[in-house]
C-alpha atoms as a PDB file:
ATOM      1  CA  UNK A   1     135.979  81.454 118.639  1.00  0.00           C
ATOM      2  CA  UNK A   2     132.531  79.920 119.146  1.00  0.00           C
ATOM      3  CA  UNK A   3     133.310  78.734 122.682  1.00  0.00           C
ATOM      4  CA  UNK A   4     134.636  82.181 123.568  1.00  0.00           C
ATOM      5  CA  UNK A   5     131.354  83.854 122.686  1.00  0.00           C
ATOM      6  CA  UNK A   6     129.403  81.134 124.467  1.00  0.00           C
ATOM      7  CA  UNK A   7     131.315  82.297 127.554  1.00  0.00           C
ATOM      8  CA  UNK A   8     130.368  85.908 126.772  1.00  0.00           C
ATOM      9  CA  UNK A   9     126.711  84.937 126.763  1.00  0.00           C
ATOM     10  CA  UNK A  10     127.057  82.780 129.874  1.00  0.00           C
ATOM     11  CA  UNK A  11     128.676  85.660 131.764  1.00  0.00           C
ATOM     12  CA  UNK A  12     125.794  87.901 130.695  1.00  0.00           C
ATOM     13  CA  UNK A  13     127.853  90.576 128.954  1.00  0.00           C
ATOM     14  CA  UNK A  14     126.488  92.636 126.099  1.00  0.00           C
ATOM     15  CA  UNK A  15     129.142  92.685 123.352  1.00  0.00           C
ATOM     16  CA  UNK A  16     127.965  96.040 122.008  1.00  0.00           C
ATOM     17  CA  UNK A  17     128.730  97.689 125.360  1.00  0.00           C
ATOM     18  CA  UNK A  18     131.832  95.729 126.396  1.00  0.00           C
ATOM     19  CA  UNK A  19     134.842  94.829 124.333  1.00  0.00           C
ATOM     20  CA  UNK A  20     136.563  91.716 125.681  1.00  0.00           C
ATOM     21  CA  UNK A  21     139.859  90.694 124.174  1.00  0.00           C
ATOM     22  CA  UNK A  22     139.856  87.451 122.204  1.00  0.00           C
ATOM     23  CA  UNK A  23     142.030  84.535 123.416  1.00  0.00           C
ATOM     24  CA  UNK A  24     145.017  85.377 121.219  1.00  0.00           C
ATOM     25  CA  UNK A  25     144.924  89.054 122.217  1.00  0.00           C
ATOM     26  CA  UNK A  26     144.753  88.417 125.979  1.00  0.00           C
ATOM     27  CA  UNK A  27     147.533  85.832 125.622  1.00  0.00           C
ATOM     28  CA  UNK A  28     149.721  88.425 123.935  1.00  0.00           C
ATOM     29  CA  UNK A  29     148.771  91.082 126.479  1.00  0.00           C
ATOM     30  CA  UNK A  30     149.710  88.830 129.409  1.00  0.00           C
ATOM     31  CA  UNK A  31     152.957  87.702 127.823  1.00  0.00           C
ATOM     32  CA  UNK A  32     153.944  91.334 127.160  1.00  0.00           C
ATOM     33  CA  UNK A  33     152.913  92.407 130.671  1.00  0.00           C
ATOM     34  CA  UNK A  34     155.379  89.915 132.152  1.00  0.00           C
ATOM     35  CA  UNK A  35     158.175  91.680 130.273  1.00  0.00           C
ATOM     36  CA  UNK A  36     157.400  95.137 131.690  1.00  0.00           C
ATOM     37  CA  UNK A  37     159.261  97.068 134.410  1.00  0.00           C
ATOM     38  CA  UNK A  38     157.873  96.169 137.859  1.00  0.00           C
ATOM     39  CA  UNK A  39     155.345  98.997 138.353  1.00  0.00           C
ATOM     40  CA  UNK A  40     153.779  98.623 134.899  1.00  0.00           C
ATOM     41  CA  UNK A  41     153.865  94.844 135.302  1.00  0.00           C
ATOM     42  CA  UNK A  42     151.909  95.053 138.563  1.00  0.00           C
ATOM     43  CA  UNK A  43     149.303  97.379 137.035  1.00  0.00           C
ATOM     44  CA  UNK A  44     148.887  95.210 133.946  1.00  0.00           C
ATOM     45  CA  UNK A  45     148.389  92.080 136.042  1.00  0.00           C
ATOM     46  CA  UNK A  46     146.125  93.742 138.631  1.00  0.00           C
ATOM     47  CA  UNK A  47     143.702  94.951 135.982  1.00  0.00           C
ATOM     48  CA  UNK A  48     143.861  91.714 134.022  1.00  0.00           C
ATOM     49  CA  UNK A  49     142.997  89.503 136.991  1.00  0.00           C
ATOM     50  CA  UNK A  50     140.688  91.585 139.229  1.00  0.00           C
ATOM     51  CA  UNK A  51     137.734  93.957 138.973  1.00  0.00           C
ATOM     52  CA  UNK A  52     139.602  96.898 140.493  1.00  0.00           C
ATOM     53  CA  UNK A  53     138.870 100.169 138.692  1.00  0.00           C
ATOM     54  CA  UNK A  54     141.351 103.016 138.084  1.00  0.00           C
ATOM     55  CA  UNK A  55     139.319 105.167 140.474  1.00  0.00           C
ATOM     56  CA  UNK A  56     139.658 102.627 143.290  1.00  0.00           C
ATOM     57  CA  UNK A  57     143.330 102.047 142.522  1.00  0.00           C
ATOM     58  CA  UNK A  58     143.982 105.788 142.955  1.00  0.00           C
ATOM     59  CA  UNK A  59     143.132 105.267 146.658  1.00  0.00           C
ATOM     60  CA  UNK A  60     145.064 102.016 147.012  1.00  0.00           C
ATOM     61  CA  UNK A  61     146.720 101.513 150.391  1.00  0.00           C
ATOM     62  CA  UNK A  62     149.242  98.922 151.569  1.00  0.00           C
ATOM     63  CA  UNK A  63     146.887  97.728 154.294  1.00  0.00           C
ATOM     64  CA  UNK A  64     144.396  96.535 151.691  1.00  0.00           C
ATOM     65  CA  UNK A  65     146.530  93.423 151.132  1.00  0.00           C
ATOM     66  CA  UNK A  66     146.738  90.682 153.744  1.00  0.00           C
ATOM     67  CA  UNK A  67     149.277  87.876 153.520  1.00  0.00           C
ATOM     68  CA  UNK A  68     147.700  84.723 154.979  1.00  0.00           C
ATOM     69  CA  UNK A  69     150.766  82.561 154.182  1.00  0.00           C
ATOM     70  CA  UNK A  70     148.770  80.519 151.675  1.00  0.00           C
ATOM     71  CA  UNK A  71     147.133  83.432 149.826  1.00  0.00           C
ATOM     72  CA  UNK A  72     147.194  87.164 149.383  1.00  0.00           C
ATOM     73  CA  UNK A  73     143.782  88.674 150.113  1.00  0.00           C
ATOM     74  CA  UNK A  74     142.827  92.106 148.790  1.00  0.00           C
ATOM     75  CA  UNK A  75     140.214  93.928 150.882  1.00  0.00           C
ATOM     76  CA  UNK A  76     138.734  97.156 149.516  1.00  0.00           C
ATOM     77  CA  UNK A  77     137.316  99.356 152.318  1.00  0.00           C
ATOM     78  CA  UNK A  78     133.591 100.067 152.273  1.00  0.00           C
ATOM     79  CA  UNK A  79     134.143 103.788 151.654  1.00  0.00           C
ATOM     80  CA  UNK A  80     135.289 102.873 148.143  1.00  0.00           C
ATOM     81  CA  UNK A  81     132.457 100.456 147.393  1.00  0.00           C
ATOM     82  CA  UNK A  82     128.683 100.257 147.322  1.00  0.00           C
ATOM     83  CA  UNK A  83     128.599  97.839 150.260  1.00  0.00           C
ATOM     84  CA  UNK A  84     127.667  99.111 153.718  1.00  0.00           C
ATOM     85  CA  UNK A  85     128.235  96.011 155.803  1.00  0.00           C
ATOM     86  CA  UNK A  86     131.399  94.375 154.541  1.00  0.00           C
ATOM     87  CA  UNK A  87     134.656  94.792 152.681  1.00  0.00           C
ATOM     88  CA  UNK A  88     134.998  93.698 149.088  1.00  0.00           C
ATOM     89  CA  UNK A  89     137.472  90.861 149.582  1.00  0.00           C
ATOM     90  CA  UNK A  90     138.985  88.418 147.134  1.00  0.00           C
ATOM     91  CA  UNK A  91     142.109  86.323 146.667  1.00  0.00           C
ATOM     92  CA  UNK A  92     144.805  87.524 144.303  1.00  0.00           C
ATOM     93  CA  UNK A  93     144.812  84.837 141.643  1.00  0.00           C
ATOM     94  CA  UNK A  94     148.083  82.914 141.309  1.00  0.00           C
ATOM     95  CA  UNK A  95     147.140  80.730 138.342  1.00  0.00           C
ATOM     96  CA  UNK A  96     144.892  81.093 135.309  1.00  0.00           C
ATOM     97  CA  UNK A  97     143.853  79.025 132.309  1.00  0.00           C
ATOM     98  CA  UNK A  98     145.249  80.790 129.280  1.00  0.00           C
ATOM     99  CA  UNK A  99     142.387  80.652 126.749  1.00  0.00           C
ATOM    100  CA  UNK A 100     144.805  80.646 123.800  1.00  0.00           C
ATOM    101  CA  UNK A 101     147.097  77.833 124.971  1.00  0.00           C
ATOM    102  CA  UNK A 102     144.503  76.029 127.158  1.00  0.00           C
ATOM    103  CA  UNK A 103     147.269  75.606 129.740  1.00  0.00           C
ATOM    104  CA  UNK A 104     147.361  76.504 133.441  1.00  0.00           C
ATOM    105  CA  UNK A 105     149.904  79.275 133.878  1.00  0.00           C
ATOM    106  CA  UNK A 106     151.248  81.435 136.693  1.00  0.00           C
ATOM    107  CA  UNK A 107     149.698  84.898 136.733  1.00  0.00           C
ATOM    108  CA  UNK A 108     152.625  86.348 138.774  1.00  0.00           C
ATOM    109  CA  UNK A 109     150.134  88.775 140.354  1.00  0.00           C
ATOM    110  CA  UNK A 110     150.777  87.769 144.012  1.00  0.00           C
ATOM    111  CA  UNK A 111     154.541  88.147 143.591  1.00  0.00           C
ATOM    112  CA  UNK A 112     154.138  91.570 142.005  1.00  0.00           C
ATOM    113  CA  UNK A 113     151.710  92.669 144.722  1.00  0.00           C
ATOM    114  CA  UNK A 114     154.356  91.874 147.331  1.00  0.00           C
ATOM    115  CA  UNK A 115     156.890  93.837 145.297  1.00  0.00           C
ATOM    116  CA  UNK A 116     154.465  96.750 145.154  1.00  0.00           C
ATOM    117  CA  UNK A 117     154.026  96.720 148.926  1.00  0.00           C
ATOM    118  CA  UNK A 118     157.792  96.790 149.466  1.00  0.00           C
ATOM    119  CA  UNK A 119     158.532  99.457 146.880  1.00  0.00           C
ATOM    120  CA  UNK A 120     156.541 102.389 148.333  1.00  0.00           C
ATOM    121  CA  UNK A 121     155.100 103.331 144.947  1.00  0.00           C
ATOM    122  CA  UNK A 122     152.981 106.471 144.999  1.00  0.00           C
ATOM    123  CA  UNK A 123     152.018 106.953 141.337  1.00  0.00           C
ATOM    124  CA  UNK A 124     148.448 105.670 141.341  1.00  0.00           C
ATOM    125  CA  UNK A 125     146.398 108.053 139.230  1.00  0.00           C
ATOM    126  CA  UNK A 126     143.815 106.959 136.686  1.00  0.00           C
ATOM    127  CA  UNK A 127     145.978 108.427 133.919  1.00  0.00           C
ATOM    128  CA  UNK A 128     148.918 106.286 135.057  1.00  0.00           C
ATOM    129  CA  UNK A 129     146.812 103.129 134.825  1.00  0.00           C
ATOM    130  CA  UNK A 130     145.410 103.946 131.384  1.00  0.00           C
ATOM    131  CA  UNK A 131     148.833 104.958 130.072  1.00  0.00           C
ATOM    132  CA  UNK A 132     150.515 101.751 131.259  1.00  0.00           C
ATOM    133  CA  UNK A 133     147.762  99.510 129.882  1.00  0.00           C
ATOM    134  CA  UNK A 134     147.796 101.203 126.485  1.00  0.00           C
ATOM    135  CA  UNK A 135     151.594 101.038 126.360  1.00  0.00           C
ATOM    136  CA  UNK A 136     151.463  97.299 127.054  1.00  0.00           C
ATOM    137  CA  UNK A 137     148.789  96.876 124.372  1.00  0.00           C
ATOM    138  CA  UNK A 138     151.002  98.710 121.891  1.00  0.00           C
ATOM    139  CA  UNK A 139     154.022  96.552 122.695  1.00  0.00           C
ATOM    140  CA  UNK A 140     151.807  93.466 122.375  1.00  0.00           C
ATOM    141  CA  UNK A 141     150.893  94.707 118.875  1.00  0.00           C
ATOM    142  CA  UNK A 142     147.149  94.545 119.466  1.00  0.00           C
ATOM    143  CA  UNK A 143     146.371  96.902 116.598  1.00  0.00           C
ATOM    144  CA  UNK A 144     144.689  94.010 114.752  1.00  0.00           C
ATOM    145  CA  UNK A 145     142.135  93.750 117.589  1.00  0.00           C
ATOM    146  CA  UNK A 146     141.457  97.400 118.426  1.00  0.00           C
ATOM    147  CA  UNK A 147     141.163 100.665 116.582  1.00  0.00           C
ATOM    148  CA  UNK A 148     144.157 102.985 116.886  1.00  0.00           C
ATOM    149  CA  UNK A 149     143.933 106.227 118.849  1.00  0.00           C
ATOM    150  CA  UNK A 150     146.376 108.980 119.751  1.00  0.00           C
ATOM    151  CA  UNK A 151     146.902 109.031 123.506  1.00  0.00           C
ATOM    152  CA  UNK A 152     148.887 111.940 124.923  1.00  0.00           C
ATOM    153  CA  UNK A 153     152.647 111.402 124.858  1.00  0.00           C
ATOM    154  CA  UNK A 154     152.300 107.741 123.839  1.00  0.00           C
ATOM    155  CA  UNK A 155     151.258 108.598 120.306  1.00  0.00           C
ATOM    156  CA  UNK A 156     149.339 105.914 118.413  1.00  0.00           C
ATOM    157  CA  UNK A 157     148.165 103.007 120.573  1.00  0.00           C
ATOM    158  CA  UNK A 158     145.501 100.271 120.420  1.00  0.00           C
ATOM    159  CA  UNK A 159     142.382 101.404 122.283  1.00  0.00           C
ATOM    160  CA  UNK A 160     142.460  98.855 125.131  1.00  0.00           C
ATOM    161  CA  UNK A 161     140.750 100.079 128.302  1.00  0.00           C
ATOM    162  CA  UNK A 162     141.071  98.801 131.888  1.00  0.00           C
ATOM    163  CA  UNK A 163     137.433  97.680 131.751  1.00  0.00           C
ATOM    164  CA  UNK A 164     138.193  95.571 128.658  1.00  0.00           C
ATOM    165  CA  UNK A 165     140.708  93.571 130.709  1.00  0.00           C
ATOM    166  CA  UNK A 166     138.264  93.176 133.592  1.00  0.00           C
ATOM    167  CA  UNK A 167     135.482  91.935 131.348  1.00  0.00           C
ATOM    168  CA  UNK A 168     137.869  89.549 129.599  1.00  0.00           C
ATOM    169  CA  UNK A 169     138.761  88.155 133.031  1.00  0.00           C
ATOM    170  CA  UNK A 170     135.087  87.533 133.795  1.00  0.00           C
ATOM    171  CA  UNK A 171     134.530  85.827 130.456  1.00  0.00           C
ATOM    172  CA  UNK A 172     137.542  83.589 130.950  1.00  0.00           C
ATOM    173  CA  UNK A 173     136.204  82.591 134.374  1.00  0.00           C
ATOM    174  CA  UNK A 174     132.811  81.778 132.822  1.00  0.00           C
ATOM    175  CA  UNK A 175     134.473  79.803 130.048  1.00  0.00           C
ATOM    176  CA  UNK A 176     136.135  77.653 132.701  1.00  0.00           C
ATOM    177  CA  UNK A 177     132.916  76.958 134.583  1.00  0.00           C
ATOM    178  CA  UNK A 178     132.966  79.577 137.373  1.00  0.00           C
ATOM    179  CA  UNK A 179     129.477  80.198 138.819  1.00  0.00           C
ATOM    180  CA  UNK A 180     127.836  83.543 138.117  1.00  0.00           C
ATOM    181  CA  UNK A 181     127.907  84.667 141.770  1.00  0.00           C
ATOM    182  CA  UNK A 182     131.655  84.073 141.914  1.00  0.00           C
ATOM    183  CA  UNK A 183     132.167  86.135 138.753  1.00  0.00           C
ATOM    184  CA  UNK A 184     129.981  88.956 140.086  1.00  0.00           C
ATOM    185  CA  UNK A 185     131.984  89.104 143.307  1.00  0.00           C
ATOM    186  CA  UNK A 186     135.331  88.743 141.586  1.00  0.00           C
ATOM    187  CA  UNK A 187     134.635  91.713 139.308  1.00  0.00           C
ATOM    188  CA  UNK A 188     132.871  93.756 141.986  1.00  0.00           C
ATOM    189  CA  UNK A 189     129.682  94.051 139.952  1.00  0.00           C
ATOM    190  CA  UNK A 190     127.593  94.859 143.028  1.00  0.00           C
ATOM    191  CA  UNK A 191     130.315  96.498 145.079  1.00  0.00           C
ATOM    192  CA  UNK A 192     131.315  99.207 142.636  1.00  0.00           C
ATOM    193  CA  UNK A 193     128.083  99.664 140.704  1.00  0.00           C
ATOM    194  CA  UNK A 194     129.484  98.572 137.374  1.00  0.00           C
ATOM    195  CA  UNK A 195     127.057  98.936 134.504  1.00  0.00           C
ATOM    196  CA  UNK A 196     127.701  95.425 133.243  1.00  0.00           C
ATOM    197  CA  UNK A 197     124.473  93.530 132.689  1.00  0.00           C
ATOM    198  CA  UNK A 198     124.707  90.017 134.145  1.00  0.00           C
ATOM    199  CA  UNK A 199     121.841  87.574 133.917  1.00  0.00           C
ATOM    200  CA  UNK A 200     120.993  85.975 137.248  1.00  0.00           C
END
C-alpha cells in the first residue's frame, strides 16, 4: 500500500480530487474486462490503458489507428485536443505490470482495437462508456473499494469513473519508473486540458 501512494505522490495527483483504484481493485477490473463481450472489452481496456476521455471517444474514427506492423499507434486529431501543431499520438500498450501480481501481463488492447476496426461499431456515446465501465466494476465486485450508486438501468453499481481508470494508469506508470513527461503525454494532460495537477 505504501509504495502505491508513493507513486501517487510521484505522479503529482491529489488524492482528494482523483480516486485511483488500488492494486487489487485494478487487477480485478482488468481480469473481469477480459471476460466481457468484445465491445465492452475494448472500451474497458481503452480507458484502462490510455488517457482517452468519453468525449473524445464519441468522435472516434477508424483512421485514428495506424498499424505499423510492430505497433498500433493512436493519433487523435488536433480538433479534439488543445494542441495546434501536432496530433496527440501514442502507442497502444500491449503489456503492463500488474501492480497486484507484480507480473508482466498482456493488456490485449491492440488485439481488441483491431477487432473494433473490423467490426464497424457505431455506439460511442459517453453514456455507453460510463455504462460499460460501471457494469465491469459491478461484475468485478468492486463495492469494497467504491461507494454504491444507482445508475440508470444498471441498478446498483460501484462508482468507478473513466477518469479513475486513467489516473490509475498514470500512477502505475509512475510506480514502474516512467518519467513525468511520458506520463503527461500518455494521459493527454496538456492535450485535453485535464485538471490533474502534476508537479514538474
